[in-house]
Amino acid sequence: MRTPYKYVKKVSDSLAVLSAAKSNMASIPSTVGAALAGCMFSVGLSAVLGFQTFLYFQIFPSDQLRYKLLVAWIWLTDTTHTILICVAVWEFAISHYGDRAAIDTIFPSLAALVAITAIITISVNVFYGWRIHKMSRQNWWITGPIAFLSIARVGLAFTTSTEMILSKTFTNFNDNFKLLLTCGLAVSAATDILVSAARYYYLRNLKQGYMMTQEVVDGIVIFTLNDGALTCAVVIACIICLLNMPRNFVWLGIYFTIAKFYSNSVLATLNLRNWYRHRPVRPMPLGIAMTRPPGVTGTNSIKAPSVAVDKRSPPSDEGHTRMEVFVDHQVEYNVGDFVRGNLDHDDRSDGKLMEIP
C-alpha cells in the first residue's frame, strides 16, 4: 500500500514542478520581456535625442546661452536616464537570470529612475511654462497652475522613489503605494493637457494678428497638438497598464519611454525654428507693368532684380515692351524667439514683440 502512495506522491510533485516551471516561463515575456522591449525602445529614442542635440548645436551655434544650457541639461539627464534603464534591465535579465524572486525585487536603479524621470519632466514643464508666461504677458492665472502641478509632480515622484527603496519588492509597493505612483502620473497627464491648451490658445491669438506668418503658425499649432497628445497618451497608457496589470512589467516598459518623449519634445521645438526662419515665401505677381520708352535701347537701361519677361503678352503699343515683374524672395525671421507685430508698414510702429510657446 505504501509503494503506490509513494509513486502517486512523486508524480504529483513532478506535475507541480512542471506546472510551476510553465508558470515561470509564461511570466518571463510579460515581465522581463516587457522591460527589455521598453529598454530597447527607450535607447532608440535616446539616440534620436542625441541626433537632435547634434543638429541643434550645428544649426544654432550662436543661440542664446540659456537655450544652450537647457539642451545640454536635457541631454545629460536623458543619458543618465538611459543608463539607469539599462542597469535595471541588466539586473533582471542577466545578474539574476532564472531567479524568480528577483522579478519582484525593486532595485535601486529603478527607484532612481523614478526620480530622474521627474527631474526631466519638470525641466520640460519649466521651459514651456516660461515661454507661456512671456506669451501671456506674465499671466500667473495661466502659469501658476502649471508651476504648481509641476512641483507637485516632483514631490510625488521623490516620495514614490523613497517608498520603492523602503518597500524593496513590487508586491509590498503595489499593496501600499501603487496609488502614490498613479497620482504622480495623473498629475503629469493633467500638466500636459494644461500646457498644450495654453500653447494652443496663445498661438491661435498670434495667428489673428500676424498676416505674414499664418502658415508658420498653423504648422506650429499642429505640432503643439500632436506633441501634447503624444506625451499625454503615453502617460495615460502607463496608468491603465499599472492599474489593470500591476503584476507584470508592461507598465514599466511604457514608463521607461515617458521621459524620452518629453526630452525629444523640447529639442524638436527648438530645432523647428530653423524651418520658421528659412520658410520661403511663394512668388507673387505684383501687377507692375514696366515699359521701355521709344528710342531707348541697351541692356543697361532697366535694372531690376528678378525680372521675368512674359513673352506671351503682345506689345501694347509700337516701340513698347510689356513686362510683368515677379518678386521671388525669401524672408528670414525667428518666430521661435520673437515675432514682430503685424509686418505691414502701417503696423510697424507698434514694435510689439511676442514669443511663440
Protein backbone atom coordinates (compact mmCIF):
# COMPACT_ATOMS: atom_id res chain seq x y z
CA MET A 1 0.00 0.00 0.00
CA ARG A 2 2.84 2.37 0.73
CA THR A 3 4.57 1.84 -2.61
CA PRO A 4 1.69 3.07 -4.79
CA TYR A 5 1.27 6.03 -2.45
CA LYS A 6 4.93 6.96 -2.89
CA TYR A 7 4.61 6.75 -6.67
CA VAL A 8 1.47 8.89 -6.64
CA LYS A 9 3.19 11.48 -4.45
CA LYS A 10 6.23 11.60 -6.74
CA VAL A 11 4.03 12.03 -9.80
CA SER A 12 2.08 14.77 -8.04
CA ASP A 13 5.28 16.57 -7.06
CA SER A 14 6.61 16.27 -10.60
CA LEU A 15 3.42 17.73 -12.04
CA ALA A 16 3.61 20.57 -9.55
CA VAL A 17 7.20 21.30 -10.58
CA LEU A 18 6.26 21.22 -14.27
CA SER A 19 3.30 23.49 -13.60
CA ALA A 20 5.48 25.94 -11.69
CA ALA A 21 8.09 25.87 -14.44
CA LYS A 22 5.42 26.51 -17.05
CA SER A 23 4.10 29.38 -14.95
CA ASN A 24 7.59 30.84 -14.68
CA MET A 25 8.09 30.59 -18.43
CA ALA A 26 4.77 32.34 -19.03
CA SER A 27 5.74 35.18 -16.71
CA ILE A 28 9.02 35.92 -18.45
CA PRO A 29 7.58 37.60 -21.59
CA SER A 30 5.24 39.82 -19.57
CA THR A 31 7.88 40.82 -17.01
CA VAL A 32 11.49 40.73 -18.15
CA GLY A 33 10.42 40.65 -21.80
CA ALA A 34 8.25 43.75 -21.44
CA ALA A 35 11.01 45.58 -19.56
CA LEU A 36 13.55 44.61 -22.23
CA ALA A 37 11.26 45.85 -25.01
CA GLY A 38 10.78 49.14 -23.20
CA CYS A 39 14.53 49.42 -22.71
CA MET A 40 15.27 48.90 -26.41
CA PHE A 41 12.65 51.44 -27.46
CA SER A 42 13.98 53.94 -24.92
CA VAL A 43 17.53 53.54 -26.19
CA GLY A 44 16.24 54.24 -29.70
CA LEU A 45 14.51 57.42 -28.53
CA SER A 46 17.68 58.43 -26.71
CA ALA A 47 19.60 58.04 -29.98
CA VAL A 48 17.06 60.32 -31.67
CA LEU A 49 17.61 62.86 -28.90
CA GLY A 50 21.37 62.67 -29.38
CA PHE A 51 20.94 63.35 -33.09
CA GLN A 52 18.65 66.28 -32.35
CA THR A 53 21.21 67.66 -29.90
CA PHE A 54 23.91 67.45 -32.56
CA LEU A 55 21.65 69.22 -35.06
CA TYR A 56 20.87 71.95 -32.56
CA PHE A 57 24.50 72.88 -31.97
CA GLN A 58 25.18 72.72 -35.70
CA ILE A 59 22.22 74.89 -36.70
CA PHE A 60 22.26 77.35 -33.80
CA PRO A 61 25.91 77.89 -32.80
CA SER A 62 25.11 81.48 -31.77
CA ASP A 63 21.88 80.75 -29.93
CA GLN A 64 21.13 82.29 -26.55
CA LEU A 65 23.11 80.84 -23.66
CA ARG A 66 20.01 79.79 -21.73
CA TYR A 67 18.89 77.59 -24.62
CA LYS A 68 22.33 76.01 -24.93
CA LEU A 69 22.39 75.24 -21.22
CA LEU A 70 18.89 73.79 -21.43
CA VAL A 71 19.84 71.49 -24.31
CA ALA A 72 22.99 70.35 -22.50
CA TRP A 73 20.98 69.70 -19.33
CA ILE A 74 18.31 67.74 -21.20
CA TRP A 75 20.93 65.61 -22.93
CA LEU A 76 22.80 64.96 -19.67
CA THR A 77 19.70 63.93 -17.73
CA ASP A 78 18.49 61.79 -20.63
CA THR A 79 21.83 59.99 -20.77
CA THR A 80 21.61 59.31 -17.03
CA HIS A 81 18.05 58.09 -17.52
CA THR A 82 19.14 55.67 -20.27
CA ILE A 83 21.97 54.29 -18.14
CA LEU A 84 19.58 53.62 -15.24
CA ILE A 85 17.17 51.80 -17.56
CA CYS A 86 19.94 49.58 -18.92
CA VAL A 87 21.24 48.83 -15.42
CA ALA A 88 17.76 47.86 -14.21
CA VAL A 89 17.13 45.54 -17.16
CA TRP A 90 20.60 44.03 -16.72
CA GLU A 91 19.74 43.23 -13.11
CA PHE A 92 16.53 41.47 -14.15
CA ALA A 93 17.75 39.64 -17.24
CA ILE A 94 21.44 38.90 -16.58
CA SER A 95 22.54 39.30 -12.97
CA HIS A 96 19.54 37.40 -11.58
CA TYR A 97 18.80 35.18 -14.54
CA GLY A 98 16.47 32.34 -13.60
CA ASP A 99 15.76 33.78 -10.16
CA ARG A 100 12.00 34.23 -9.95
CA ALA A 101 12.24 36.15 -6.68
CA ALA A 102 14.39 38.78 -8.39
CA ILE A 103 11.50 39.68 -10.70
CA ASP A 104 9.64 41.00 -7.67
CA THR A 105 12.66 42.95 -6.40
CA ILE A 106 12.85 46.74 -6.71
CA PHE A 107 16.48 47.50 -7.47
CA PRO A 108 17.95 50.91 -6.53
CA SER A 109 18.31 51.79 -10.20
CA LEU A 110 14.51 51.59 -10.61
CA ALA A 111 13.91 53.88 -7.65
CA ALA A 112 16.44 56.36 -9.02
CA LEU A 113 14.77 56.10 -12.42
CA VAL A 114 11.51 57.46 -10.99
CA ALA A 115 13.35 60.47 -9.56
CA ILE A 116 15.28 61.27 -12.75
CA THR A 117 12.06 60.98 -14.78
CA ALA A 118 10.51 63.64 -12.55
CA ILE A 119 13.57 65.88 -12.99
CA ILE A 120 13.32 65.65 -16.78
CA THR A 121 9.58 66.28 -16.63
CA ILE A 122 9.86 69.43 -14.53
CA SER A 123 12.70 70.71 -16.73
CA VAL A 124 10.46 70.44 -19.78
CA ASN A 125 7.46 71.95 -17.99
CA VAL A 126 9.55 74.89 -16.75
CA PHE A 127 10.71 75.52 -20.32
CA TYR A 128 7.17 75.57 -21.70
CA GLY A 129 5.79 77.40 -18.67
CA TRP A 130 8.37 80.17 -19.04
CA ARG A 131 7.52 80.64 -22.72
CA ILE A 132 3.79 80.67 -21.97
CA HIS A 133 4.40 83.17 -19.15
CA LYS A 134 6.09 85.56 -21.58
CA MET A 135 3.47 84.95 -24.24
CA SER A 136 0.63 85.65 -21.79
CA ARG A 137 2.32 88.85 -20.56
CA GLN A 138 3.06 87.43 -17.09
CA ASN A 139 -0.41 85.98 -16.56
CA TRP A 140 0.01 83.95 -13.37
CA TRP A 141 -3.54 82.63 -13.65
CA ILE A 142 -2.22 80.50 -16.51
CA THR A 143 1.35 79.76 -15.48
CA GLY A 144 0.60 79.46 -11.75
CA PRO A 145 -1.31 76.16 -12.07
CA ILE A 146 1.38 74.83 -14.42
CA ALA A 147 4.07 75.63 -11.85
CA PHE A 148 2.02 74.13 -9.01
CA LEU A 149 1.31 70.88 -10.88
CA SER A 150 4.96 70.57 -11.94
CA ILE A 151 6.19 70.94 -8.36
CA ALA A 152 3.53 68.52 -7.12
CA ARG A 153 4.67 66.01 -9.75
CA VAL A 154 8.25 66.19 -8.49
CA GLY A 155 7.16 65.85 -4.87
CA LEU A 156 5.06 62.78 -5.63
CA ALA A 157 7.87 61.25 -7.68
CA PHE A 158 10.52 61.66 -4.99
CA THR A 159 8.13 60.27 -2.38
CA THR A 160 7.43 57.32 -4.67
CA SER A 161 11.14 56.75 -5.17
CA THR A 162 11.72 56.73 -1.41
CA GLU A 163 8.88 54.28 -0.78
CA MET A 164 10.16 51.98 -3.52
CA ILE A 165 13.51 51.76 -1.76
CA LEU A 166 11.82 51.05 1.58
CA SER A 167 9.34 48.53 0.15
CA LYS A 168 12.10 46.54 -1.62
CA THR A 169 9.57 44.43 -3.57
CA PHE A 170 6.85 45.23 -6.08
CA THR A 171 4.38 43.18 -4.05
CA ASN A 172 4.78 45.38 -0.99
CA PHE A 173 4.85 48.53 -3.07
CA ASN A 174 1.70 47.67 -5.05
CA ASP A 175 -0.19 46.79 -1.88
CA ASN A 176 0.63 50.06 -0.13
CA PHE A 177 1.89 52.74 -2.52
CA LYS A 178 0.63 51.97 -6.01
CA LEU A 179 -1.86 54.82 -5.65
CA LEU A 180 1.04 57.21 -5.00
CA LEU A 181 2.69 56.37 -8.33
CA THR A 182 -0.67 56.56 -10.09
CA CYS A 183 -1.35 60.04 -8.70
CA GLY A 184 2.06 61.24 -9.87
CA LEU A 185 1.36 60.01 -13.40
CA ALA A 186 -2.13 61.55 -13.34
CA VAL A 187 -0.69 64.92 -12.33
CA SER A 188 1.80 64.63 -15.19
CA ALA A 189 -1.02 64.00 -17.68
CA ALA A 190 -3.01 66.95 -16.30
CA THR A 191 0.05 69.20 -16.69
CA ASP A 192 0.46 68.10 -20.31
CA ILE A 193 -3.15 68.96 -21.06
CA LEU A 194 -2.88 72.38 -19.42
CA VAL A 195 0.40 73.24 -21.18
CA SER A 196 -0.90 72.15 -24.58
CA ALA A 197 -4.16 74.07 -24.12
CA ALA A 198 -2.30 77.26 -23.15
CA ARG A 199 0.12 76.97 -26.06
CA TYR A 200 -2.74 76.38 -28.49
CA TYR A 201 -4.74 79.33 -27.14
CA TYR A 202 -1.94 81.85 -27.48
CA LEU A 203 -0.86 80.53 -30.85
CA ARG A 204 -4.37 80.99 -32.20
CA ASN A 205 -4.39 84.56 -30.92
CA LEU A 206 -1.00 85.14 -32.52
CA LYS A 207 -2.28 83.95 -35.87
CA GLN A 208 -5.08 86.52 -35.87
CA GLY A 209 -2.66 89.43 -35.74
CA TYR A 210 0.22 88.29 -37.96
CA MET A 211 -0.74 88.01 -41.59
CA MET A 212 2.77 87.20 -42.81
CA THR A 213 3.19 84.18 -40.51
CA GLN A 214 -0.19 82.44 -40.68
CA GLU A 215 1.15 79.35 -42.45
CA VAL A 216 4.01 79.09 -39.99
CA VAL A 217 1.69 79.43 -37.01
CA ASP A 218 -0.61 76.77 -38.49
CA GLY A 219 2.34 74.39 -38.61
CA ILE A 220 3.27 75.20 -35.02
CA VAL A 221 -0.32 74.65 -33.87
CA ILE A 222 -0.38 71.19 -35.47
CA PHE A 223 2.98 70.32 -33.91
CA THR A 224 1.83 71.57 -30.49
CA LEU A 225 -1.35 69.50 -30.53
CA ASN A 226 0.42 66.34 -31.71
CA ASP A 227 3.26 66.81 -29.24
CA GLY A 228 0.96 67.31 -26.25
CA ALA A 229 -1.34 64.48 -27.29
CA LEU A 230 1.58 62.06 -27.67
CA THR A 231 3.11 62.63 -24.24
CA CYS A 232 -0.30 62.62 -22.56
CA ALA A 233 -1.32 59.39 -24.35
CA VAL A 234 1.86 57.61 -23.23
CA VAL A 235 1.29 58.64 -19.60
CA ILE A 236 -2.36 57.55 -19.70
CA ALA A 237 -1.37 54.20 -21.24
CA CYS A 238 1.09 53.68 -18.39
CA ILE A 239 -1.62 54.43 -15.82
CA ILE A 240 -4.05 51.98 -17.44
CA CYS A 241 -1.48 49.17 -17.52
CA LEU A 242 -0.40 49.87 -13.94
CA LEU A 243 -3.96 49.67 -12.63
CA ASN A 244 -5.03 46.64 -14.67
CA MET A 245 -1.78 44.65 -14.84
CA PRO A 246 0.27 45.50 -11.74
CA ARG A 247 1.87 42.04 -11.60
CA ASN A 248 3.70 42.35 -14.91
CA PHE A 249 6.10 44.94 -16.33
CA VAL A 250 4.11 46.23 -19.28
CA TRP A 251 3.52 49.46 -17.39
CA LEU A 252 7.23 49.63 -16.54
CA GLY A 253 8.23 49.27 -20.19
CA ILE A 254 5.94 52.18 -21.08
CA TYR A 255 7.21 54.16 -18.10
CA PHE A 256 10.76 53.88 -19.47
CA THR A 257 9.74 55.90 -22.54
CA ILE A 258 7.89 58.78 -20.84
CA ALA A 259 10.96 60.92 -20.14
CA LYS A 260 12.25 60.25 -23.67
CA PHE A 261 9.16 61.78 -25.26
CA TYR A 262 9.45 64.84 -23.03
CA SER A 263 13.12 65.35 -23.87
CA ASN A 264 12.61 64.95 -27.61
CA SER A 265 9.71 67.39 -27.42
CA VAL A 266 11.98 70.22 -26.24
CA LEU A 267 14.67 69.55 -28.84
CA ALA A 268 12.09 69.31 -31.62
CA THR A 269 10.60 72.64 -30.54
CA LEU A 270 13.98 74.36 -30.62
CA ASN A 271 15.15 72.82 -33.88
CA LEU A 272 11.86 73.64 -35.58
CA ARG A 273 12.91 77.29 -35.51
CA ASN A 274 15.21 76.57 -38.44
CA TRP A 275 12.13 75.75 -40.50
CA TYR A 276 10.49 79.01 -39.41
CA ARG A 277 13.50 81.06 -40.42
CA HIS A 278 14.04 79.64 -43.88
CA ARG A 279 10.50 79.01 -44.98
CA PRO A 280 10.31 80.55 -48.47
CA VAL A 281 7.53 82.91 -49.45
CA ARG A 282 5.71 81.94 -52.63
CA PRO A 283 6.39 84.13 -55.66
CA MET A 284 3.57 86.64 -56.12
CA PRO A 285 2.94 88.82 -59.16
CA LEU A 286 2.97 92.47 -58.16
CA GLY A 287 0.98 93.63 -61.18
CA ILE A 288 3.59 96.23 -62.18
CA ALA A 289 3.89 96.93 -65.90
CA MET A 290 7.27 98.30 -66.96
CA THR A 291 7.65 99.84 -70.41
CA ARG A 292 10.65 100.97 -72.37
CA PRO A 293 10.26 104.41 -73.91
CA PRO A 294 10.62 104.67 -77.70
CA GLY A 295 14.16 105.17 -78.89
CA VAL A 296 15.78 103.81 -75.72
CA THR A 297 18.00 100.82 -76.37
CA GLY A 298 20.59 98.86 -74.45
CA THR A 299 20.53 96.14 -71.84
CA ASN A 300 21.50 98.51 -69.03
CA SER A 301 18.55 100.83 -69.45
CA ILE A 302 16.41 98.93 -66.95
CA LYS A 303 18.00 97.49 -63.81
CA ALA A 304 15.68 95.38 -61.72
CA PRO A 305 16.39 92.13 -59.89
CA SER A 306 14.27 89.06 -60.53
CA VAL A 307 12.58 90.44 -63.66
CA ALA A 308 10.88 87.97 -65.96
CA VAL A 309 9.57 88.94 -69.39
CA ASP A 310 6.24 87.46 -70.32
CA LYS A 311 6.80 86.62 -73.98
CA ARG A 312 3.20 85.57 -74.43
CA SER A 313 1.90 89.11 -73.94
CA PRO A 314 1.91 91.06 -77.20
CA PRO A 315 3.26 94.61 -77.20
CA SER A 316 0.56 97.06 -76.27
CA ASP A 317 2.00 99.85 -78.40
CA GLU A 318 4.61 100.07 -81.09
CA GLY A 319 8.03 100.57 -79.62
CA HIS A 320 6.92 99.47 -76.14
CA THR A 321 7.70 96.12 -74.50
CA ARG A 322 5.34 94.96 -71.75
CA MET A 323 6.89 93.10 -68.84
CA GLU A 324 5.49 91.56 -65.67
CA VAL A 325 7.66 91.65 -62.59
CA PHE A 326 7.64 88.64 -60.26
CA VAL A 327 9.43 89.04 -56.97
CA ASP A 328 10.75 85.74 -55.65
CA HIS A 329 12.24 86.44 -52.26
CA GLN A 330 12.96 84.60 -49.06
CA VAL A 331 12.21 86.11 -45.69
CA GLU A 332 14.20 85.10 -42.62
CA TYR A 333 12.54 85.59 -39.27
CA ASN A 334 12.90 83.91 -35.92
CA VAL A 335 9.38 83.03 -34.93
CA GLY A 336 10.68 80.71 -32.24
CA ASP A 337 12.15 83.56 -30.27
CA PHE A 338 10.38 86.79 -31.14
CA VAL A 339 7.93 87.81 -33.82
CA ARG A 340 7.30 91.44 -34.59
CA GLY A 341 3.73 92.68 -34.61
CA ASN A 342 1.97 92.95 -37.98
CA LEU A 343 4.71 93.21 -40.57
CA ASP A 344 2.78 95.66 -42.75
CA HIS A 345 4.23 99.15 -42.99
CA ASP A 346 1.30 100.71 -41.16
CA ASP A 347 1.73 98.44 -38.15
CA ARG A 348 5.48 98.53 -37.69
CA SER A 349 5.22 101.46 -35.35
CA ASP A 350 3.71 99.21 -32.70
CA GLY A 351 7.02 97.45 -32.11
CA LYS A 352 5.34 94.61 -30.23
CA LEU A 353 7.40 91.53 -29.65
CA MET A 354 5.73 88.27 -28.78
CA GLU A 355 7.15 84.84 -28.24
CA ILE A 356 5.67 81.67 -29.62
CA PRO A 357 5.28 78.96 -26.97
